[in-house]
Protein backbone atom coordinates (compact mmCIF):
# COMPACT_ATOMS: atom_id res chain seq x y z
CA UNK A 1 0.00 0.00 0.00
CA UNK A 2 1.05 3.60 -0.53
CA UNK A 3 2.34 5.60 2.38
CA UNK A 4 0.58 8.90 2.92
CA UNK A 5 2.86 11.91 3.19
CA UNK A 6 1.55 12.48 6.72
CA UNK A 7 2.89 9.06 7.71
CA UNK A 8 6.46 9.55 6.46
CA UNK A 9 7.90 10.63 9.80
CA UNK A 10 6.12 8.10 12.00
CA UNK A 11 9.09 5.73 12.14
CA UNK A 12 11.54 8.46 13.12
CA UNK A 13 9.12 9.86 15.71
CA UNK A 14 8.69 6.37 17.18
CA UNK A 15 12.48 6.02 17.32
CA UNK A 16 12.77 9.36 19.12
CA UNK A 17 10.16 8.34 21.69
CA UNK A 18 11.99 5.06 22.34
CA UNK A 19 15.28 6.91 22.80
CA UNK A 20 13.61 9.34 25.20
CA UNK A 21 12.18 6.57 27.38
CA UNK A 22 14.93 3.94 27.14
CA UNK A 23 17.86 6.35 27.48
CA UNK A 24 16.15 8.59 30.02
CA UNK A 25 16.61 11.84 28.15
CA UNK A 26 15.65 14.62 30.54
CA UNK A 27 13.03 17.06 29.30
CA UNK A 28 12.08 20.55 30.30
CA UNK A 29 8.62 21.94 29.56
CA UNK A 30 8.21 25.25 27.75
CA UNK A 31 6.80 26.78 30.93
CA UNK A 32 9.82 25.62 32.97
CA UNK A 33 12.29 26.91 30.36
CA UNK A 34 10.48 30.24 30.21
CA UNK A 35 10.69 30.51 34.00
CA UNK A 36 14.43 29.68 33.88
CA UNK A 37 14.92 32.43 31.30
CA UNK A 38 12.88 34.92 33.36
CA UNK A 39 15.07 34.19 36.40
CA UNK A 40 18.21 34.72 34.31
CA UNK A 41 19.46 31.16 34.77
CA UNK A 42 22.63 30.14 32.97
CA UNK A 43 21.34 28.42 29.80
CA UNK A 44 22.78 27.53 26.42
CA UNK A 45 19.74 27.16 24.16
CA UNK A 46 20.41 25.27 20.92
CA UNK A 47 18.03 24.94 17.97
CA UNK A 48 18.82 21.62 16.29
CA UNK A 49 16.73 22.35 13.18
CA UNK A 50 17.95 23.75 9.88
CA UNK A 51 19.07 27.39 9.75
CA UNK A 52 16.02 28.15 7.58
CA UNK A 53 13.66 26.77 10.23
CA UNK A 54 15.53 28.68 12.94
CA UNK A 55 15.16 31.99 11.07
CA UNK A 56 11.46 31.39 10.47
CA UNK A 57 10.61 30.92 14.18
CA UNK A 58 12.60 29.84 17.21
CA UNK A 59 12.61 29.97 20.98
CA UNK A 60 13.82 33.46 21.96
CA UNK A 61 17.55 33.51 22.59
CA UNK A 62 18.35 30.18 20.92
CA UNK A 63 21.09 29.79 18.38
CA UNK A 64 21.09 27.60 15.30
CA UNK A 65 23.20 24.45 15.59
CA UNK A 66 21.79 21.77 13.26
CA UNK A 67 21.66 18.39 15.01
CA UNK A 68 24.45 16.83 12.98
CA UNK A 69 26.80 19.61 14.14
CA UNK A 70 26.07 19.38 17.88
CA UNK A 71 29.05 17.11 18.71
CA UNK A 72 31.38 19.36 16.70
CA UNK A 73 30.12 22.63 18.19
CA UNK A 74 29.37 21.89 21.85
CA UNK A 75 32.97 22.14 23.10
CA UNK A 76 33.38 25.70 21.82
CA UNK A 77 29.86 26.73 22.86
CA UNK A 78 30.56 25.64 26.44
CA UNK A 79 34.18 26.89 26.57
CA UNK A 80 33.30 30.20 28.21
CA UNK A 81 30.24 28.86 30.01
CA UNK A 82 30.99 25.29 31.20
CA UNK A 83 28.44 25.33 34.04
CA UNK A 84 25.47 26.27 31.85
CA UNK A 85 22.43 24.08 31.48
CA UNK A 86 22.11 23.01 27.84
CA UNK A 87 18.63 22.86 26.29
CA UNK A 88 18.11 21.48 22.78
CA UNK A 89 14.96 22.37 20.86
CA UNK A 90 13.49 21.54 17.47
CA UNK A 91 10.06 21.92 15.87
CA UNK A 92 8.28 19.12 17.71
CA UNK A 93 10.42 16.90 19.86
CA UNK A 94 12.24 14.17 17.95
CA UNK A 95 15.35 16.18 16.98
CA UNK A 96 15.41 17.67 20.49
CA UNK A 97 15.49 14.20 22.02
CA UNK A 98 18.14 12.88 19.64
CA UNK A 99 20.30 16.00 20.03
CA UNK A 100 20.08 15.93 23.82
CA UNK A 101 20.93 12.21 23.84
CA UNK A 102 24.01 12.81 21.69
CA UNK A 103 25.21 15.47 24.15
CA UNK A 104 24.48 13.13 27.07
CA UNK A 105 26.60 10.43 25.41
CA UNK A 106 29.39 12.96 25.06
CA UNK A 107 29.31 13.40 28.84
CA UNK A 108 27.88 16.92 28.81
CA UNK A 109 26.16 17.54 32.18
CA UNK A 110 22.78 19.20 32.64
CA UNK A 111 21.32 18.54 29.18
CA UNK A 112 17.59 18.73 28.45
CA UNK A 113 15.35 18.31 25.43
CA UNK A 114 12.58 20.92 25.18
CA UNK A 115 9.31 19.04 25.43
CA UNK A 116 7.38 19.51 22.17
CA UNK A 117 9.87 22.08 20.85
CA UNK A 118 8.74 25.30 19.22
CA UNK A 119 5.27 23.82 18.76
CA UNK A 120 5.01 23.25 22.51
CA UNK A 121 6.34 26.74 23.20
CA UNK A 122 3.68 28.24 20.92
CA UNK A 123 0.90 26.03 22.34
CA UNK A 124 1.88 27.17 25.84
CA UNK A 125 1.04 30.71 24.73
CA UNK A 126 4.67 31.83 24.66
CA UNK A 127 5.96 34.09 21.92
CA UNK A 128 8.30 32.74 19.26
CA UNK A 129 11.12 34.84 17.86
CA UNK A 130 11.16 35.38 14.09
CA UNK A 131 14.03 36.47 11.90
CA UNK A 132 16.86 35.31 14.18
CA UNK A 133 20.25 35.68 12.55
CA UNK A 134 22.11 33.61 15.14
CA UNK A 135 23.20 31.19 12.43
CA UNK A 136 26.91 31.38 11.81
CA UNK A 137 29.50 29.90 14.11
CA UNK A 138 33.26 30.32 13.83
CA UNK A 139 35.35 27.44 12.54
CA UNK A 140 35.55 24.75 15.24
CA UNK A 141 38.64 24.86 17.42
CA UNK A 142 41.25 22.11 17.33
CA UNK A 143 39.92 20.89 20.70
CA UNK A 144 36.33 20.81 19.42
CA UNK A 145 37.35 18.79 16.35
CA UNK A 146 39.36 16.36 18.46
CA UNK A 147 36.48 15.90 20.93
CA UNK A 148 33.97 15.31 18.12
CA UNK A 149 36.24 12.84 16.36
CA UNK A 150 36.97 10.94 19.57
CA UNK A 151 33.25 10.81 20.30
CA UNK A 152 32.47 9.48 16.81
CA UNK A 153 35.09 6.74 17.16
CA UNK A 154 33.85 5.79 20.64
CA UNK A 155 30.20 5.65 19.61
CA UNK A 156 31.03 3.66 16.47
CA UNK A 157 32.91 1.13 18.60
CA UNK A 158 30.19 0.96 21.25
CA UNK A 159 27.43 0.57 18.66
CA UNK A 160 29.27 -1.67 16.19
CA UNK A 161 29.33 0.82 13.31
CA UNK A 162 32.12 0.76 10.77
CA UNK A 163 33.82 3.65 9.01
CA UNK A 164 34.32 3.62 5.25
CA UNK A 165 36.28 5.95 3.01
CA UNK A 166 35.53 7.47 -0.39
CA UNK A 167 37.45 4.68 -2.18
CA UNK A 168 35.35 1.98 -0.55
CA UNK A 169 32.17 3.84 -1.46
CA UNK A 170 33.22 4.30 -5.10
CA UNK A 171 34.06 0.60 -5.40
CA UNK A 172 30.79 -0.41 -3.76
CA UNK A 173 28.81 1.80 -6.15
CA UNK A 174 30.50 0.14 -9.15
CA UNK A 175 29.29 -3.29 -7.99
CA UNK A 176 25.67 -2.16 -8.07
CA UNK A 177 22.92 -3.69 -6.00
CA UNK A 178 21.31 -2.17 -2.95
CA UNK A 179 23.26 0.65 -1.36
CA UNK A 180 21.53 3.19 0.82
CA UNK A 181 23.20 6.50 1.54
CA UNK A 182 21.60 8.45 4.35
CA UNK A 183 22.17 12.12 5.10
CA UNK A 184 21.56 12.44 8.82
CA UNK A 185 21.99 16.18 9.16
C-alpha atoms as a PDB file:
ATOM      1  CA  UNK A   1       0.000   0.000   0.000  1.00  0.00           C
ATOM      2  CA  UNK A   2       1.046   3.600  -0.531  1.00  0.00           C
ATOM      3  CA  UNK A   3       2.342   5.598   2.385  1.00  0.00           C
ATOM      4  CA  UNK A   4       0.581   8.901   2.918  1.00  0.00           C
ATOM      5  CA  UNK A   5       2.859  11.915   3.189  1.00  0.00           C
ATOM      6  CA  UNK A   6       1.550  12.478   6.718  1.00  0.00           C
ATOM      7  CA  UNK A   7       2.892   9.056   7.713  1.00  0.00           C
ATOM      8  CA  UNK A   8       6.456   9.546   6.457  1.00  0.00           C
ATOM      9  CA  UNK A   9       7.897  10.631   9.802  1.00  0.00           C
ATOM     10  CA  UNK A  10       6.115   8.099  11.996  1.00  0.00           C
ATOM     11  CA  UNK A  11       9.086   5.728  12.137  1.00  0.00           C
ATOM     12  CA  UNK A  12      11.544   8.463  13.124  1.00  0.00           C
ATOM     13  CA  UNK A  13       9.120   9.859  15.708  1.00  0.00           C
ATOM     14  CA  UNK A  14       8.691   6.370  17.185  1.00  0.00           C
ATOM     15  CA  UNK A  15      12.479   6.024  17.318  1.00  0.00           C
ATOM     16  CA  UNK A  16      12.766   9.361  19.125  1.00  0.00           C
ATOM     17  CA  UNK A  17      10.158   8.341  21.692  1.00  0.00           C
ATOM     18  CA  UNK A  18      11.989   5.057  22.339  1.00  0.00           C
ATOM     19  CA  UNK A  19      15.278   6.910  22.799  1.00  0.00           C
ATOM     20  CA  UNK A  20      13.614   9.339  25.199  1.00  0.00           C
ATOM     21  CA  UNK A  21      12.179   6.566  27.377  1.00  0.00           C
ATOM     22  CA  UNK A  22      14.926   3.943  27.144  1.00  0.00           C
ATOM     23  CA  UNK A  23      17.861   6.347  27.478  1.00  0.00           C
ATOM     24  CA  UNK A  24      16.154   8.586  30.018  1.00  0.00           C
ATOM     25  CA  UNK A  25      16.614  11.845  28.152  1.00  0.00           C
ATOM     26  CA  UNK A  26      15.648  14.624  30.539  1.00  0.00           C
ATOM     27  CA  UNK A  27      13.027  17.058  29.298  1.00  0.00           C
ATOM     28  CA  UNK A  28      12.075  20.554  30.298  1.00  0.00           C
ATOM     29  CA  UNK A  29       8.625  21.937  29.557  1.00  0.00           C
ATOM     30  CA  UNK A  30       8.210  25.254  27.747  1.00  0.00           C
ATOM     31  CA  UNK A  31       6.802  26.776  30.929  1.00  0.00           C
ATOM     32  CA  UNK A  32       9.821  25.623  32.968  1.00  0.00           C
ATOM     33  CA  UNK A  33      12.288  26.913  30.363  1.00  0.00           C
ATOM     34  CA  UNK A  34      10.475  30.240  30.206  1.00  0.00           C
ATOM     35  CA  UNK A  35      10.692  30.512  34.003  1.00  0.00           C
ATOM     36  CA  UNK A  36      14.434  29.684  33.883  1.00  0.00           C
ATOM     37  CA  UNK A  37      14.925  32.433  31.299  1.00  0.00           C
ATOM     38  CA  UNK A  38      12.878  34.920  33.356  1.00  0.00           C
ATOM     39  CA  UNK A  39      15.066  34.187  36.403  1.00  0.00           C
ATOM     40  CA  UNK A  40      18.206  34.716  34.307  1.00  0.00           C
ATOM     41  CA  UNK A  41      19.456  31.162  34.765  1.00  0.00           C
ATOM     42  CA  UNK A  42      22.635  30.143  32.967  1.00  0.00           C
ATOM     43  CA  UNK A  43      21.339  28.418  29.801  1.00  0.00           C
ATOM     44  CA  UNK A  44      22.784  27.535  26.423  1.00  0.00           C
ATOM     45  CA  UNK A  45      19.738  27.155  24.165  1.00  0.00           C
ATOM     46  CA  UNK A  46      20.406  25.266  20.921  1.00  0.00           C
ATOM     47  CA  UNK A  47      18.028  24.940  17.968  1.00  0.00           C
ATOM     48  CA  UNK A  48      18.824  21.616  16.287  1.00  0.00           C
ATOM     49  CA  UNK A  49      16.730  22.351  13.178  1.00  0.00           C
ATOM     50  CA  UNK A  50      17.946  23.755   9.880  1.00  0.00           C
ATOM     51  CA  UNK A  51      19.071  27.391   9.748  1.00  0.00           C
ATOM     52  CA  UNK A  52      16.016  28.154   7.583  1.00  0.00           C
ATOM     53  CA  UNK A  53      13.661  26.765  10.231  1.00  0.00           C
ATOM     54  CA  UNK A  54      15.526  28.682  12.941  1.00  0.00           C
ATOM     55  CA  UNK A  55      15.157  31.987  11.073  1.00  0.00           C
ATOM     56  CA  UNK A  56      11.462  31.385  10.467  1.00  0.00           C
ATOM     57  CA  UNK A  57      10.609  30.917  14.175  1.00  0.00           C
ATOM     58  CA  UNK A  58      12.604  29.844  17.214  1.00  0.00           C
ATOM     59  CA  UNK A  59      12.608  29.966  20.982  1.00  0.00           C
ATOM     60  CA  UNK A  60      13.819  33.458  21.962  1.00  0.00           C
ATOM     61  CA  UNK A  61      17.554  33.506  22.588  1.00  0.00           C
ATOM     62  CA  UNK A  62      18.348  30.178  20.920  1.00  0.00           C
ATOM     63  CA  UNK A  63      21.089  29.787  18.383  1.00  0.00           C
ATOM     64  CA  UNK A  64      21.088  27.604  15.296  1.00  0.00           C
ATOM     65  CA  UNK A  65      23.202  24.449  15.593  1.00  0.00           C
ATOM     66  CA  UNK A  66      21.790  21.773  13.261  1.00  0.00           C
ATOM     67  CA  UNK A  67      21.657  18.395  15.006  1.00  0.00           C
ATOM     68  CA  UNK A  68      24.451  16.834  12.982  1.00  0.00           C
ATOM     69  CA  UNK A  69      26.796  19.607  14.143  1.00  0.00           C
ATOM     70  CA  UNK A  70      26.069  19.378  17.877  1.00  0.00           C
ATOM     71  CA  UNK A  71      29.054  17.113  18.711  1.00  0.00           C
ATOM     72  CA  UNK A  72      31.384  19.361  16.704  1.00  0.00           C
ATOM     73  CA  UNK A  73      30.123  22.632  18.195  1.00  0.00           C
ATOM     74  CA  UNK A  74      29.371  21.889  21.850  1.00  0.00           C
ATOM     75  CA  UNK A  75      32.966  22.137  23.103  1.00  0.00           C
ATOM     76  CA  UNK A  76      33.375  25.695  21.821  1.00  0.00           C
ATOM     77  CA  UNK A  77      29.855  26.728  22.858  1.00  0.00           C
ATOM     78  CA  UNK A  78      30.556  25.636  26.442  1.00  0.00           C
ATOM     79  CA  UNK A  79      34.176  26.888  26.568  1.00  0.00           C
ATOM     80  CA  UNK A  80      33.305  30.203  28.210  1.00  0.00           C
ATOM     81  CA  UNK A  81      30.237  28.860  30.009  1.00  0.00           C
ATOM     82  CA  UNK A  82      30.990  25.292  31.195  1.00  0.00           C
ATOM     83  CA  UNK A  83      28.440  25.327  34.037  1.00  0.00           C
ATOM     84  CA  UNK A  84      25.469  26.272  31.848  1.00  0.00           C
ATOM     85  CA  UNK A  85      22.431  24.077  31.481  1.00  0.00           C
ATOM     86  CA  UNK A  86      22.109  23.007  27.835  1.00  0.00           C
ATOM     87  CA  UNK A  87      18.626  22.861  26.293  1.00  0.00           C
ATOM     88  CA  UNK A  88      18.110  21.480  22.783  1.00  0.00           C
ATOM     89  CA  UNK A  89      14.963  22.371  20.858  1.00  0.00           C
ATOM     90  CA  UNK A  90      13.486  21.540  17.467  1.00  0.00           C
ATOM     91  CA  UNK A  91      10.063  21.923  15.865  1.00  0.00           C
ATOM     92  CA  UNK A  92       8.281  19.117  17.709  1.00  0.00           C
ATOM     93  CA  UNK A  93      10.425  16.897  19.860  1.00  0.00           C
ATOM     94  CA  UNK A  94      12.243  14.171  17.954  1.00  0.00           C
ATOM     95  CA  UNK A  95      15.345  16.176  16.980  1.00  0.00           C
ATOM     96  CA  UNK A  96      15.410  17.672  20.490  1.00  0.00           C
ATOM     97  CA  UNK A  97      15.494  14.205  22.015  1.00  0.00           C
ATOM     98  CA  UNK A  98      18.145  12.879  19.637  1.00  0.00           C
ATOM     99  CA  UNK A  99      20.303  15.999  20.031  1.00  0.00           C
ATOM    100  CA  UNK A 100      20.076  15.925  23.823  1.00  0.00           C
ATOM    101  CA  UNK A 101      20.930  12.215  23.842  1.00  0.00           C
ATOM    102  CA  UNK A 102      24.013  12.814  21.693  1.00  0.00           C
ATOM    103  CA  UNK A 103      25.210  15.467  24.147  1.00  0.00           C
ATOM    104  CA  UNK A 104      24.483  13.134  27.075  1.00  0.00           C
ATOM    105  CA  UNK A 105      26.596  10.428  25.412  1.00  0.00           C
ATOM    106  CA  UNK A 106      29.393  12.965  25.057  1.00  0.00           C
ATOM    107  CA  UNK A 107      29.315  13.402  28.837  1.00  0.00           C
ATOM    108  CA  UNK A 108      27.880  16.918  28.815  1.00  0.00           C
ATOM    109  CA  UNK A 109      26.163  17.539  32.181  1.00  0.00           C
ATOM    110  CA  UNK A 110      22.781  19.199  32.642  1.00  0.00           C
ATOM    111  CA  UNK A 111      21.319  18.543  29.181  1.00  0.00           C
ATOM    112  CA  UNK A 112      17.587  18.733  28.453  1.00  0.00           C
ATOM    113  CA  UNK A 113      15.347  18.314  25.432  1.00  0.00           C
ATOM    114  CA  UNK A 114      12.580  20.917  25.183  1.00  0.00           C
ATOM    115  CA  UNK A 115       9.312  19.043  25.425  1.00  0.00           C
ATOM    116  CA  UNK A 116       7.382  19.506  22.175  1.00  0.00           C
ATOM    117  CA  UNK A 117       9.874  22.078  20.849  1.00  0.00           C
ATOM    118  CA  UNK A 118       8.744  25.300  19.218  1.00  0.00           C
ATOM    119  CA  UNK A 119       5.272  23.825  18.755  1.00  0.00           C
ATOM    120  CA  UNK A 120       5.011  23.245  22.512  1.00  0.00           C
ATOM    121  CA  UNK A 121       6.338  26.740  23.196  1.00  0.00           C
ATOM    122  CA  UNK A 122       3.680  28.240  20.920  1.00  0.00           C
ATOM    123  CA  UNK A 123       0.895  26.031  22.338  1.00  0.00           C
ATOM    124  CA  UNK A 124       1.878  27.168  25.844  1.00  0.00           C
ATOM    125  CA  UNK A 125       1.042  30.715  24.734  1.00  0.00           C
ATOM    126  CA  UNK A 126       4.670  31.831  24.658  1.00  0.00           C
ATOM    127  CA  UNK A 127       5.961  34.090  21.922  1.00  0.00           C
ATOM    128  CA  UNK A 128       8.298  32.735  19.265  1.00  0.00           C
ATOM    129  CA  UNK A 129      11.115  34.839  17.864  1.00  0.00           C
ATOM    130  CA  UNK A 130      11.158  35.379  14.093  1.00  0.00           C
ATOM    131  CA  UNK A 131      14.034  36.471  11.904  1.00  0.00           C
ATOM    132  CA  UNK A 132      16.862  35.313  14.179  1.00  0.00           C
ATOM    133  CA  UNK A 133      20.248  35.675  12.554  1.00  0.00           C
ATOM    134  CA  UNK A 134      22.113  33.610  15.145  1.00  0.00           C
ATOM    135  CA  UNK A 135      23.196  31.194  12.428  1.00  0.00           C
ATOM    136  CA  UNK A 136      26.913  31.384  11.809  1.00  0.00           C
ATOM    137  CA  UNK A 137      29.498  29.902  14.108  1.00  0.00           C
ATOM    138  CA  UNK A 138      33.257  30.315  13.832  1.00  0.00           C
ATOM    139  CA  UNK A 139      35.346  27.436  12.541  1.00  0.00           C
ATOM    140  CA  UNK A 140      35.549  24.747  15.236  1.00  0.00           C
ATOM    141  CA  UNK A 141      38.639  24.860  17.425  1.00  0.00           C
ATOM    142  CA  UNK A 142      41.249  22.111  17.334  1.00  0.00           C
ATOM    143  CA  UNK A 143      39.923  20.892  20.697  1.00  0.00           C
ATOM    144  CA  UNK A 144      36.328  20.811  19.416  1.00  0.00           C
ATOM    145  CA  UNK A 145      37.347  18.786  16.350  1.00  0.00           C
ATOM    146  CA  UNK A 146      39.361  16.362  18.464  1.00  0.00           C
ATOM    147  CA  UNK A 147      36.479  15.895  20.925  1.00  0.00           C
ATOM    148  CA  UNK A 148      33.968  15.314  18.124  1.00  0.00           C
ATOM    149  CA  UNK A 149      36.240  12.838  16.358  1.00  0.00           C
ATOM    150  CA  UNK A 150      36.973  10.936  19.571  1.00  0.00           C
ATOM    151  CA  UNK A 151      33.248  10.813  20.301  1.00  0.00           C
ATOM    152  CA  UNK A 152      32.474   9.477  16.807  1.00  0.00           C
ATOM    153  CA  UNK A 153      35.086   6.742  17.156  1.00  0.00           C
ATOM    154  CA  UNK A 154      33.849   5.786  20.637  1.00  0.00           C
ATOM    155  CA  UNK A 155      30.197   5.655  19.607  1.00  0.00           C
ATOM    156  CA  UNK A 156      31.030   3.659  16.472  1.00  0.00           C
ATOM    157  CA  UNK A 157      32.909   1.128  18.595  1.00  0.00           C
ATOM    158  CA  UNK A 158      30.194   0.955  21.253  1.00  0.00           C
ATOM    159  CA  UNK A 159      27.433   0.566  18.661  1.00  0.00           C
ATOM    160  CA  UNK A 160      29.269  -1.675  16.188  1.00  0.00           C
ATOM    161  CA  UNK A 161      29.326   0.824  13.311  1.00  0.00           C
ATOM    162  CA  UNK A 162      32.124   0.759  10.765  1.00  0.00           C
ATOM    163  CA  UNK A 163      33.820   3.652   9.013  1.00  0.00           C
ATOM    164  CA  UNK A 164      34.323   3.615   5.250  1.00  0.00           C
ATOM    165  CA  UNK A 165      36.278   5.947   3.011  1.00  0.00           C
ATOM    166  CA  UNK A 166      35.526   7.473  -0.395  1.00  0.00           C
ATOM    167  CA  UNK A 167      37.452   4.681  -2.183  1.00  0.00           C
ATOM    168  CA  UNK A 168      35.348   1.981  -0.551  1.00  0.00           C
ATOM    169  CA  UNK A 169      32.167   3.844  -1.461  1.00  0.00           C
ATOM    170  CA  UNK A 170      33.225   4.300  -5.095  1.00  0.00           C
ATOM    171  CA  UNK A 171      34.061   0.598  -5.405  1.00  0.00           C
ATOM    172  CA  UNK A 172      30.789  -0.414  -3.759  1.00  0.00           C
ATOM    173  CA  UNK A 173      28.813   1.800  -6.153  1.00  0.00           C
ATOM    174  CA  UNK A 174      30.499   0.135  -9.148  1.00  0.00           C
ATOM    175  CA  UNK A 175      29.293  -3.292  -7.986  1.00  0.00           C
ATOM    176  CA  UNK A 176      25.667  -2.155  -8.072  1.00  0.00           C
ATOM    177  CA  UNK A 177      22.915  -3.694  -5.996  1.00  0.00           C
ATOM    178  CA  UNK A 178      21.307  -2.167  -2.953  1.00  0.00           C
ATOM    179  CA  UNK A 179      23.263   0.645  -1.361  1.00  0.00           C
ATOM    180  CA  UNK A 180      21.528   3.187   0.824  1.00  0.00           C
ATOM    181  CA  UNK A 181      23.199   6.502   1.537  1.00  0.00           C
ATOM    182  CA  UNK A 182      21.605   8.449   4.354  1.00  0.00           C
ATOM    183  CA  UNK A 183      22.168  12.119   5.096  1.00  0.00           C
ATOM    184  CA  UNK A 184      21.564  12.436   8.819  1.00  0.00           C
ATOM    185  CA  UNK A 185      21.987  16.181   9.163  1.00  0.00           C
END
